[in-house]
C-alpha atoms as a PDB file:
ATOM      1  CA  MET A   1    -115.707 -83.196-108.383  1.00  0.00           C
ATOM      2  CA  ASN A   2    -115.367 -85.554-111.360  1.00  0.00           C
ATOM      3  CA  GLU A   3    -112.141 -86.107-113.305  1.00  0.00           C
ATOM      4  CA  THR A   4    -113.055 -83.694-116.114  1.00  0.00           C
ATOM      5  CA  ASP A   5    -113.789 -80.885-113.645  1.00  0.00           C
ATOM      6  CA  SER A   6    -110.499 -81.616-111.878  1.00  0.00           C
ATOM      7  CA  ILE A   7    -108.552 -81.354-115.143  1.00  0.00           C
ATOM      8  CA  ILE A   8    -110.268 -78.082-116.096  1.00  0.00           C
ATOM      9  CA  GLN A   9    -109.584 -76.637-112.645  1.00  0.00           C
ATOM     10  CA  THR A  10    -105.925 -77.668-112.864  1.00  0.00           C
ATOM     11  CA  ILE A  11    -105.596 -76.030-116.291  1.00  0.00           C
ATOM     12  CA  THR A  12    -107.175 -72.754-115.183  1.00  0.00           C
ATOM     13  CA  VAL A  13    -105.107 -72.536-111.988  1.00  0.00           C
ATOM     14  CA  TYR A  14    -101.774 -73.378-113.616  1.00  0.00           C
ATOM     15  CA  LEU A  15    -102.138 -71.787-117.056  1.00  0.00           C
ATOM     16  CA  ILE A  16    -101.059 -68.215-116.282  1.00  0.00           C
ATOM     17  CA  PRO A  17     -98.229 -69.176-113.864  1.00  0.00           C
ATOM     18  CA  VAL A  18     -96.802 -71.720-116.326  1.00  0.00           C
ATOM     19  CA  LEU A  19     -97.028 -69.407-119.345  1.00  0.00           C
ATOM     20  CA  PHE A  20     -95.231 -66.542-117.613  1.00  0.00           C
ATOM     21  CA  ALA A  21     -92.725 -68.763-115.790  1.00  0.00           C
ATOM     22  CA  ILE A  22     -91.559 -70.150-119.114  1.00  0.00           C
ATOM     23  CA  SER A  23     -91.863 -66.933-121.158  1.00  0.00           C
ATOM     24  CA  LEU A  24     -89.941 -64.702-118.744  1.00  0.00           C
ATOM     25  CA  HIS A  25     -87.358 -67.457-118.238  1.00  0.00           C
ATOM     26  CA  GLU A  26     -86.620 -67.406-121.961  1.00  0.00           C
ATOM     27  CA  ALA A  27     -86.786 -63.616-122.257  1.00  0.00           C
ATOM     28  CA  ALA A  28     -84.248 -63.320-119.414  1.00  0.00           C
ATOM     29  CA  HIS A  29     -81.736 -65.369-121.423  1.00  0.00           C
ATOM     30  CA  GLY A  30     -82.210 -62.994-124.343  1.00  0.00           C
ATOM     31  CA  TYR A  31     -81.889 -59.816-122.277  1.00  0.00           C
ATOM     32  CA  VAL A  32     -78.621 -60.947-120.684  1.00  0.00           C
ATOM     33  CA  ALA A  33     -77.272 -62.125-124.044  1.00  0.00           C
ATOM     34  CA  ARG A  34     -78.030 -58.699-125.528  1.00  0.00           C
ATOM     35  CA  TYR A  35     -76.327 -57.004-122.584  1.00  0.00           C
ATOM     36  CA  PHE A  36     -73.173 -59.009-123.331  1.00  0.00           C
ATOM     37  CA  GLY A  37     -73.225 -58.263-127.045  1.00  0.00           C
ATOM     38  CA  ASP A  38     -75.517 -60.749-128.805  1.00  0.00           C
ATOM     39  CA  PRO A  39     -78.687 -59.094-130.225  1.00  0.00           C
ATOM     40  CA  THR A  40     -79.995 -62.284-131.904  1.00  0.00           C
ATOM     41  CA  ALA A  41     -83.007 -62.731-129.614  1.00  0.00           C
ATOM     42  CA  ALA A  42     -83.828 -59.022-129.787  1.00  0.00           C
ATOM     43  CA  ASN A  43     -83.670 -59.075-133.591  1.00  0.00           C
ATOM     44  CA  GLU A  44     -86.145 -61.978-133.654  1.00  0.00           C
ATOM     45  CA  GLY A  45     -88.607 -60.249-131.316  1.00  0.00           C
ATOM     46  CA  ARG A  46     -88.085 -62.665-128.425  1.00  0.00           C
ATOM     47  CA  LEU A  47     -87.363 -60.063-125.721  1.00  0.00           C
ATOM     48  CA  THR A  48     -90.970 -59.963-124.611  1.00  0.00           C
ATOM     49  CA  ALA A  49     -93.199 -61.314-121.855  1.00  0.00           C
ATOM     50  CA  ASN A  50     -95.838 -62.140-124.479  1.00  0.00           C
ATOM     51  CA  PRO A  51     -96.294 -65.926-124.093  1.00  0.00           C
ATOM     52  CA  LEU A  52     -97.360 -66.262-127.734  1.00  0.00           C
ATOM     53  CA  ARG A  53     -93.765 -65.516-128.773  1.00  0.00           C
ATOM     54  CA  HIS A  54     -92.405 -68.355-126.652  1.00  0.00           C
ATOM     55  CA  ILE A  55     -95.059 -71.094-126.517  1.00  0.00           C
ATOM     56  CA  ASP A  56     -94.269 -74.636-127.587  1.00  0.00           C
ATOM     57  CA  PRO A  57     -97.683 -76.413-127.579  1.00  0.00           C
ATOM     58  CA  PHE A  58     -96.385 -79.643-126.047  1.00  0.00           C
ATOM     59  CA  GLY A  59     -93.634 -78.330-123.794  1.00  0.00           C
ATOM     60  CA  THR A  60     -95.474 -75.255-122.529  1.00  0.00           C
ATOM     61  CA  VAL A  61     -99.004 -76.586-122.019  1.00  0.00           C
ATOM     62  CA  ILE A  62     -99.445 -80.344-122.392  1.00  0.00           C
ATOM     63  CA  LEU A  63     -96.327 -81.591-120.564  1.00  0.00           C
ATOM     64  CA  PRO A  64     -96.778 -79.467-117.396  1.00  0.00           C
ATOM     65  CA  LEU A  65    -100.426 -80.514-117.225  1.00  0.00           C
ATOM     66  CA  ILE A  66     -99.572 -84.218-117.562  1.00  0.00           C
ATOM     67  CA  LEU A  67     -96.876 -83.954-114.886  1.00  0.00           C
ATOM     68  CA  SER A  68     -99.176 -82.106-112.495  1.00  0.00           C
ATOM     69  CA  LEU A  69    -101.877 -84.766-112.946  1.00  0.00           C
ATOM     70  CA  LEU A  70     -99.232 -87.399-112.121  1.00  0.00           C
ATOM     71  CA  HIS A  71     -98.474 -85.404-108.947  1.00  0.00           C
ATOM     72  CA  LEU A  72     -95.028 -84.514-110.224  1.00  0.00           C
ATOM     73  CA  PRO A  73     -93.522 -81.004-110.437  1.00  0.00           C
ATOM     74  CA  ALA A  74     -95.231 -79.159-113.301  1.00  0.00           C
ATOM     75  CA  LEU A  75     -92.171 -78.739-115.507  1.00  0.00           C
ATOM     76  CA  GLY A  76     -92.182 -77.585-119.089  1.00  0.00           C
ATOM     77  CA  TYR A  77     -90.231 -75.767-121.730  1.00  0.00           C
ATOM     78  CA  ALA A  78     -90.708 -73.106-124.366  1.00  0.00           C
ATOM     79  CA  LYS A  79     -89.119 -72.458-127.737  1.00  0.00           C
ATOM     80  CA  PRO A  80     -85.502 -71.738-126.788  1.00  0.00           C
ATOM     81  CA  VAL A  81     -84.426 -68.126-127.224  1.00  0.00           C
ATOM     82  CA  PRO A  82     -81.716 -68.051-129.915  1.00  0.00           C
ATOM     83  CA  VAL A  83     -78.302 -67.094-128.558  1.00  0.00           C
ATOM     84  CA  ASP A  84     -75.185 -66.822-130.718  1.00  0.00           C
ATOM     85  CA  PHE A  85     -72.515 -67.429-128.098  1.00  0.00           C
ATOM     86  CA  GLY A  86     -69.836 -66.451-130.585  1.00  0.00           C
ATOM     87  CA  ARG A  87     -71.112 -62.861-130.510  1.00  0.00           C
ATOM     88  CA  LEU A  88     -70.705 -62.513-126.752  1.00  0.00           C
ATOM     89  CA  ARG A  89     -67.741 -60.388-125.718  1.00  0.00           C
ATOM     90  CA  ASN A  90     -66.372 -63.182-123.508  1.00  0.00           C
ATOM     91  CA  PRO A  91     -68.214 -66.285-124.785  1.00  0.00           C
ATOM     92  CA  LYS A  92     -67.100 -68.893-122.265  1.00  0.00           C
ATOM     93  CA  LYS A  93     -67.644 -66.834-119.127  1.00  0.00           C
ATOM     94  CA  GLN A  94     -70.736 -64.997-120.320  1.00  0.00           C
ATOM     95  CA  MET A  95     -72.401 -68.177-121.610  1.00  0.00           C
ATOM     96  CA  ALA A  96     -72.710 -69.225-117.952  1.00  0.00           C
ATOM     97  CA  LEU A  97     -74.257 -65.869-117.021  1.00  0.00           C
ATOM     98  CA  VAL A  98     -76.729 -66.049-119.919  1.00  0.00           C
ATOM     99  CA  ALA A  99     -77.701 -69.561-118.775  1.00  0.00           C
ATOM    100  CA  ALA A 100     -78.079 -68.471-115.142  1.00  0.00           C
ATOM    101  CA  ALA A 101     -80.478 -65.672-116.132  1.00  0.00           C
ATOM    102  CA  GLY A 102     -83.358 -68.115-116.729  1.00  0.00           C
ATOM    103  CA  PRO A 103     -83.343 -69.744-113.265  1.00  0.00           C
ATOM    104  CA  ALA A 104     -82.740 -66.293-111.737  1.00  0.00           C
ATOM    105  CA  ALA A 105     -85.933 -65.069-113.422  1.00  0.00           C
ATOM    106  CA  ASN A 106     -87.841 -68.044-112.004  1.00  0.00           C
ATOM    107  CA  PHE A 107     -86.440 -67.286-108.556  1.00  0.00           C
ATOM    108  CA  ALA A 108     -87.670 -63.683-108.799  1.00  0.00           C
ATOM    109  CA  MET A 109     -91.104 -64.747-110.076  1.00  0.00           C
ATOM    110  CA  GLY A 110     -91.433 -67.407-107.377  1.00  0.00           C
ATOM    111  CA  LEU A 111     -90.666 -64.782-104.739  1.00  0.00           C
ATOM    112  CA  GLY A 112     -93.231 -62.432-106.289  1.00  0.00           C
ATOM    113  CA  TRP A 113     -95.966 -65.077-106.382  1.00  0.00           C
ATOM    114  CA  MET A 114     -95.317 -65.994-102.748  1.00  0.00           C
ATOM    115  CA  ALA A 115     -95.466 -62.317-101.755  1.00  0.00           C
ATOM    116  CA  LEU A 116     -98.847 -62.089-103.504  1.00  0.00           C
ATOM    117  CA  TRP A 117     -99.994 -65.256-101.698  1.00  0.00           C
ATOM    118  CA  VAL A 118     -98.976 -63.788 -98.324  1.00  0.00           C
ATOM    119  CA  VAL A 119    -100.877 -60.566 -99.033  1.00  0.00           C
ATOM    120  CA  MET A 120    -104.032 -62.422-100.086  1.00  0.00           C
ATOM    121  CA  ILE A 121    -103.954 -64.774 -97.084  1.00  0.00           C
ATOM    122  CA  GLN A 122    -102.838 -62.401 -94.342  1.00  0.00           C
ATOM    123  CA  ALA A 123    -103.874 -58.906 -95.449  1.00  0.00           C
ATOM    124  CA  LEU A 124    -107.036 -59.671 -97.413  1.00  0.00           C
ATOM    125  CA  GLY A 125    -108.136 -62.714 -95.420  1.00  0.00           C
ATOM    126  CA  MET A 126    -108.892 -64.747 -98.531  1.00  0.00           C
ATOM    127  CA  PRO A 127    -109.552 -68.475 -97.931  1.00  0.00           C
ATOM    128  CA  PRO A 128    -106.921 -71.053 -99.013  1.00  0.00           C
ATOM    129  CA  ASP A 129    -109.306 -72.565-101.576  1.00  0.00           C
ATOM    130  CA  ASP A 130    -109.918 -69.236-103.361  1.00  0.00           C
ATOM    131  CA  PHE A 131    -109.054 -69.415-107.066  1.00  0.00           C
ATOM    132  CA  PHE A 132    -106.517 -66.583-106.961  1.00  0.00           C
ATOM    133  CA  VAL A 133    -104.874 -67.938-103.805  1.00  0.00           C
ATOM    134  CA  LYS A 134    -104.462 -71.278-105.557  1.00  0.00           C
ATOM    135  CA  MET A 135    -103.027 -69.511-108.601  1.00  0.00           C
ATOM    136  CA  ALA A 136    -100.453 -67.711-106.458  1.00  0.00           C
ATOM    137  CA  GLU A 137     -99.595 -71.031-104.794  1.00  0.00           C
ATOM    138  CA  ALA A 138     -99.195 -72.606-108.230  1.00  0.00           C
ATOM    139  CA  GLY A 139     -97.038 -69.628-109.241  1.00  0.00           C
ATOM    140  CA  TYR A 140     -94.405 -70.073-106.580  1.00  0.00           C
ATOM    141  CA  GLY A 141     -94.571 -73.857-106.944  1.00  0.00           C
ATOM    142  CA  VAL A 142     -94.075 -73.827-110.722  1.00  0.00           C
ATOM    143  CA  ASN A 143     -91.251 -71.304-110.569  1.00  0.00           C
ATOM    144  CA  SER A 144     -89.525 -73.217-107.770  1.00  0.00           C
ATOM    145  CA  ALA A 145     -89.725 -76.394-109.854  1.00  0.00           C
ATOM    146  CA  MET A 146     -88.419 -74.699-112.993  1.00  0.00           C
ATOM    147  CA  CYS A 147     -85.549 -73.053-111.144  1.00  0.00           C
ATOM    148  CA  ILE A 148     -84.362 -76.287-109.509  1.00  0.00           C
ATOM    149  CA  PHE A 149     -84.916 -78.453-112.596  1.00  0.00           C
ATOM    150  CA  ASN A 150     -83.025 -76.095-114.881  1.00  0.00           C
ATOM    151  CA  LEU A 151     -80.070 -76.026-112.487  1.00  0.00           C
ATOM    152  CA  ILE A 152     -79.473 -79.768-112.922  1.00  0.00           C
ATOM    153  CA  PRO A 153     -75.881 -79.754-114.251  1.00  0.00           C
ATOM    154  CA  LEU A 154     -76.527 -81.500-117.554  1.00  0.00           C
ATOM    155  CA  PRO A 155     -76.589 -79.832-120.990  1.00  0.00           C
ATOM    156  CA  PRO A 156     -78.838 -78.585-122.531  1.00  0.00           C
ATOM    157  CA  LEU A 157     -80.293 -77.478-119.191  1.00  0.00           C
ATOM    158  CA  ASP A 158     -79.082 -74.162-117.853  1.00  0.00           C
ATOM    159  CA  GLY A 159     -77.139 -75.879-115.099  1.00  0.00           C
ATOM    160  CA  GLY A 160     -75.168 -77.798-117.710  1.00  0.00           C
ATOM    161  CA  ARG A 161     -74.264 -74.600-119.537  1.00  0.00           C
ATOM    162  CA  ILE A 162     -73.230 -72.985-116.256  1.00  0.00           C
ATOM    163  CA  VAL A 163     -70.915 -75.925-115.567  1.00  0.00           C
ATOM    164  CA  THR A 164     -69.556 -75.710-119.127  1.00  0.00           C
ATOM    165  CA  GLY A 165     -68.747 -72.036-118.565  1.00  0.00           C
ATOM    166  CA  ILE A 166     -66.895 -72.824-115.344  1.00  0.00           C
ATOM    167  CA  LEU A 167     -64.848 -75.843-116.478  1.00  0.00           C
ATOM    168  CA  PRO A 168     -61.390 -75.451-118.047  1.00  0.00           C
ATOM    169  CA  MET A 169     -61.655 -75.218-121.829  1.00  0.00           C
ATOM    170  CA  PRO A 170     -60.598 -78.814-122.700  1.00  0.00           C
ATOM    171  CA  LEU A 171     -63.157 -80.259-120.271  1.00  0.00           C
ATOM    172  CA  ALA A 172     -65.760 -77.670-121.256  1.00  0.00           C
ATOM    173  CA  ARG A 173     -65.605 -78.720-124.916  1.00  0.00           C
ATOM    174  CA  LYS A 174     -66.127 -82.376-124.009  1.00  0.00           C
ATOM    175  CA  TYR A 175     -68.898 -81.622-121.534  1.00  0.00           C
ATOM    176  CA  ALA A 176     -70.725 -79.401-124.021  1.00  0.00           C
ATOM    177  CA  GLN A 177     -70.967 -82.340-126.442  1.00  0.00           C
ATOM    178  CA  ILE A 178     -73.687 -83.824-124.216  1.00  0.00           C
ATOM    179  CA  GLU A 179     -75.984 -81.125-125.578  1.00  0.00           C
ATOM    180  CA  ARG A 180     -76.353 -82.906-128.916  1.00  0.00           C
ATOM    181  CA  TYR A 181     -78.299 -85.576-127.003  1.00  0.00           C
ATOM    182  CA  GLY A 182     -80.499 -82.975-125.329  1.00  0.00           C
ATOM    183  CA  MET A 183     -83.865 -84.558-126.092  1.00  0.00           C
ATOM    184  CA  TYR A 184     -82.689 -87.907-124.725  1.00  0.00           C
ATOM    185  CA  VAL A 185     -81.393 -86.169-121.589  1.00  0.00           C
ATOM    186  CA  PHE A 186     -84.771 -84.488-121.057  1.00  0.00           C
ATOM    187  CA  ILE A 187     -86.723 -87.714-121.619  1.00  0.00           C
ATOM    188  CA  GLY A 188     -84.370 -89.556-119.276  1.00  0.00           C
ATOM    189  CA  LEU A 189     -84.913 -86.976-116.543  1.00  0.00           C
ATOM    190  CA  ILE A 190     -88.703 -87.192-116.922  1.00  0.00           C
ATOM    191  CA  LEU A 191     -88.524 -90.996-116.669  1.00  0.00           C
ATOM    192  CA  MET A 192     -86.346 -90.704-113.575  1.00  0.00           C
ATOM    193  CA  MET A 193     -89.009 -88.477-112.058  1.00  0.00           C
ATOM    194  CA  GLN A 194     -91.752 -90.918-112.998  1.00  0.00           C
ATOM    195  CA  PHE A 195     -89.954 -93.760-111.231  1.00  0.00           C
ATOM    196  CA  GLY A 196     -89.108 -91.628-108.219  1.00  0.00           C
ATOM    197  CA  LEU A 197     -85.363 -91.453-108.881  1.00  0.00           C
ATOM    198  CA  LEU A 198     -85.287 -87.672-109.179  1.00  0.00           C
ATOM    199  CA  THR A 199     -88.414 -86.614-107.334  1.00  0.00           C
ATOM    200  CA  GLY A 200     -86.728 -86.436-103.942  1.00  0.00           C
ATOM    201  CA  PHE A 201     -84.050 -84.103-105.264  1.00  0.00           C
ATOM    202  CA  LEU A 202     -86.564 -81.846-107.001  1.00  0.00           C
ATOM    203  CA  VAL A 203     -89.064 -81.712-104.153  1.00  0.00           C
ATOM    204  CA  GLY A 204     -86.289 -81.180-101.613  1.00  0.00           C
ATOM    205  CA  GLY A 205     -84.822 -78.420-103.772  1.00  0.00           C
ATOM    206  CA  MET A 206     -88.223 -76.771-104.154  1.00  0.00           C
ATOM    207  CA  HIS A 207     -88.811 -76.827-100.406  1.00  0.00           C
ATOM    208  CA  PHE A 208     -85.360 -75.350 -99.802  1.00  0.00           C
ATOM    209  CA  LEU A 209     -86.007 -72.587-102.345  1.00  0.00           C
ATOM    210  CA  GLN A 210     -89.398 -71.822-100.850  1.00  0.00           C
ATOM    211  CA  SER A 211     -87.815 -71.596 -97.406  1.00  0.00           C
ATOM    212  CA  ILE A 212     -85.522 -68.899 -98.865  1.00  0.00           C
ATOM    213  CA  PHE A 213     -88.613 -67.091-100.188  1.00  0.00           C
ATOM    214  CA  TYR A 214     -90.111 -67.271 -96.693  1.00  0.00           C
ATOM    215  CA  VAL A 215     -86.988 -65.806 -95.089  1.00  0.00           C
ATOM    216  CA  LEU A 216     -86.859 -62.973 -97.633  1.00  0.00           C
ATOM    217  CA  LEU A 217     -90.557 -62.254 -97.113  1.00  0.00           C
ATOM    218  CA  TYR A 218     -90.453 -62.468 -93.320  1.00  0.00           C
ATOM    219  CA  PRO A 219     -90.540 -58.636 -92.901  1.00  0.00           C
ATOM    220  CA  LEU A 220     -93.742 -58.535 -94.994  1.00  0.00           C
ATOM    221  CA  ILE A 221     -95.220 -61.468 -93.045  1.00  0.00           C
ATOM    222  CA  PHE A 222     -94.311 -59.749 -89.769  1.00  0.00           C
ATOM    223  CA  ILE A 223     -95.919 -56.460 -90.828  1.00  0.00           C
ATOM    224  CA  LEU A 224     -99.137 -58.167 -91.925  1.00  0.00           C
ATOM    225  CA  SER A 225     -99.411 -60.471 -88.914  1.00  0.00           C
END
């Protein structure tokens, strides 16, 4: 297989998992924000699984592809769902819950993709190199990566907002100021991955998360074995 064929295969295998991992991650933020009193995302039509409402051409498609070709976790981002934290009933506490909704959605999707992978391998007897088996594998890999990456405790990542919601107010205000440098934080994290300074943490976190998926799916695996 030449390099062009390899790139096309990577795109086709990862496209659907990446689009839905990012879209449902963002929609989850909006749903939880609406539950706690902020309808901003709903009013702008962002409470949808339709990827076209969430796609950022570079962050959603190009960046994950580049990272996967560099053998790094296929991370990406979408257009952030707008949240007016001031409209939440308890802004400080509920900001953390709104932030946690995105990684929680990735956890659920990762579990779902692995369940599909188990069914295809064990119940249907499909070979490991089948296109749909590879897509399911990409699905739980991408969602594992997104969940762990977004839990890094630095604003503007979800983990940073969770920490901000937990800290006492004086510290929370200071910590939240990191968010104004969000693009530099993201670039710095990508560079750390490129030079291997963050890869161990991410890969280890992904393996740990996937081991949780395996434990949760063990009854299904047992039934199909």
